[in-house]
Amino acid sequence: MPSKRGRRRTKKSRIPHRLNILYRFVECVDCRNRYCNGIKGLVIDVTKTNIKILTIFGDIVIIPIDECRYYVRINNREFLVNSRQIAK
């Protein structure tokens, strides 16, 4: 019998401890550099300190990993990932 307080609780999908974001579509959010906010594109290279993103317009942007949080799309789901959860 459902509780009277509202909706049922659903199971949250878990993010793997270390996420491989190479060749995934990402969006940068909550960056220290405000010009990096909203950059969307395909990750083409991941190093220990930087991420190279190929944008929709064909530009390659290099962003420090520690500067931002990222929305990563995996199997029609979006995960909010910080720098500690990215496999380097």
Protein backbone atom coordinates (compact mmCIF):
# COMPACT_ATOMS: atom_id res chain seq x y z
CA MET A 1 0.00 0.00 0.00
CA PRO A 2 1.53 3.36 -1.00
CA SER A 3 2.27 5.83 1.74
CA LYS A 4 0.02 8.83 2.23
CA ARG A 5 2.90 11.26 1.94
CA GLY A 6 3.22 11.17 -1.82
CA ARG A 7 5.03 9.40 -4.60
CA ARG A 8 6.89 6.15 -4.36
CA ARG A 9 10.61 6.33 -4.07
CA THR A 10 12.41 5.27 -7.20
CA LYS A 11 15.82 3.71 -7.46
CA LYS A 12 18.49 6.23 -8.48
CA SER A 13 20.89 5.17 -11.18
CA ARG A 14 24.42 5.00 -9.87
CA ILE A 15 27.38 6.63 -11.54
CA PRO A 16 30.43 4.40 -11.86
CA HIS A 17 33.30 5.43 -9.59
CA ARG A 18 35.54 6.30 -12.56
CA LEU A 19 33.70 7.25 -15.72
CA ASN A 20 35.31 7.04 -19.15
CA ILE A 21 34.08 10.12 -21.02
CA LEU A 22 36.20 9.66 -24.15
CA TYR A 23 34.00 9.95 -27.29
CA ARG A 24 30.96 10.95 -25.23
CA PHE A 25 28.81 14.05 -25.64
CA VAL A 26 29.35 16.45 -22.72
CA GLU A 27 28.19 19.89 -21.61
CA CYS A 28 30.23 22.09 -19.26
CA VAL A 29 28.39 23.67 -16.34
CA ASP A 30 29.38 25.44 -13.15
CA CYS A 31 32.85 26.49 -14.36
CA ARG A 32 35.19 28.93 -12.66
CA ASN A 33 35.76 30.58 -16.03
CA ARG A 34 32.30 31.85 -16.97
CA TYR A 35 33.10 31.66 -20.70
CA CYS A 36 33.35 27.86 -20.48
CA ASN A 37 29.79 27.48 -19.21
CA GLY A 38 27.51 25.99 -21.83
CA ILE A 39 30.20 24.50 -24.08
CA LYS A 40 28.79 21.33 -25.65
CA GLY A 41 30.54 18.80 -27.77
CA LEU A 42 32.28 15.48 -28.21
CA VAL A 43 35.27 14.63 -26.01
CA ILE A 44 38.18 13.73 -28.32
CA ASP A 45 41.03 13.56 -25.79
CA VAL A 46 41.38 13.24 -22.03
CA THR A 47 44.68 13.83 -20.25
CA LYS A 48 45.48 14.08 -16.55
CA THR A 49 44.70 17.80 -16.42
CA ASN A 50 42.77 18.71 -19.61
CA ILE A 51 39.85 17.69 -21.78
CA LYS A 52 39.68 18.43 -25.52
CA ILE A 53 36.15 18.98 -26.77
CA LEU A 54 35.11 19.15 -30.43
CA THR A 55 32.21 21.61 -30.46
CA ILE A 56 29.19 21.59 -32.73
CA PHE A 57 30.75 24.40 -34.79
CA GLY A 58 33.97 22.44 -35.45
CA ASP A 59 36.20 24.23 -32.93
CA ILE A 60 38.47 22.35 -30.54
CA VAL A 61 38.33 23.69 -26.99
CA ILE A 62 40.76 22.68 -24.24
CA ILE A 63 39.31 22.89 -20.73
CA PRO A 64 41.07 22.05 -17.45
CA ILE A 65 39.35 19.12 -15.75
CA ASP A 66 39.32 20.69 -12.28
CA GLU A 67 37.61 23.89 -13.49
CA CYS A 68 34.13 22.53 -14.28
CA ARG A 69 31.42 19.97 -13.70
CA TYR A 70 30.03 18.16 -16.72
CA TYR A 71 26.78 16.65 -17.92
CA VAL A 72 27.68 13.39 -19.66
CA ARG A 73 25.20 11.53 -21.87
CA ILE A 74 25.35 7.75 -21.63
CA ASN A 75 22.61 5.50 -23.04
CA ASN A 76 20.00 8.29 -23.20
CA ARG A 77 20.73 9.37 -19.61
CA GLU A 78 22.52 12.44 -18.36
CA PHE A 79 24.88 12.29 -15.40
CA LEU A 80 26.36 15.27 -13.57
CA VAL A 81 30.04 14.42 -13.15
CA ASN A 82 32.81 16.26 -11.32
CA SER A 83 36.55 16.00 -11.86
CA ARG A 84 37.05 13.17 -9.37
CA GLN A 85 34.67 10.86 -11.23
CA ILE A 86 36.46 11.14 -14.59
CA ALA A 87 38.84 8.35 -15.61
CA LYS A 88 42.17 9.88 -16.55
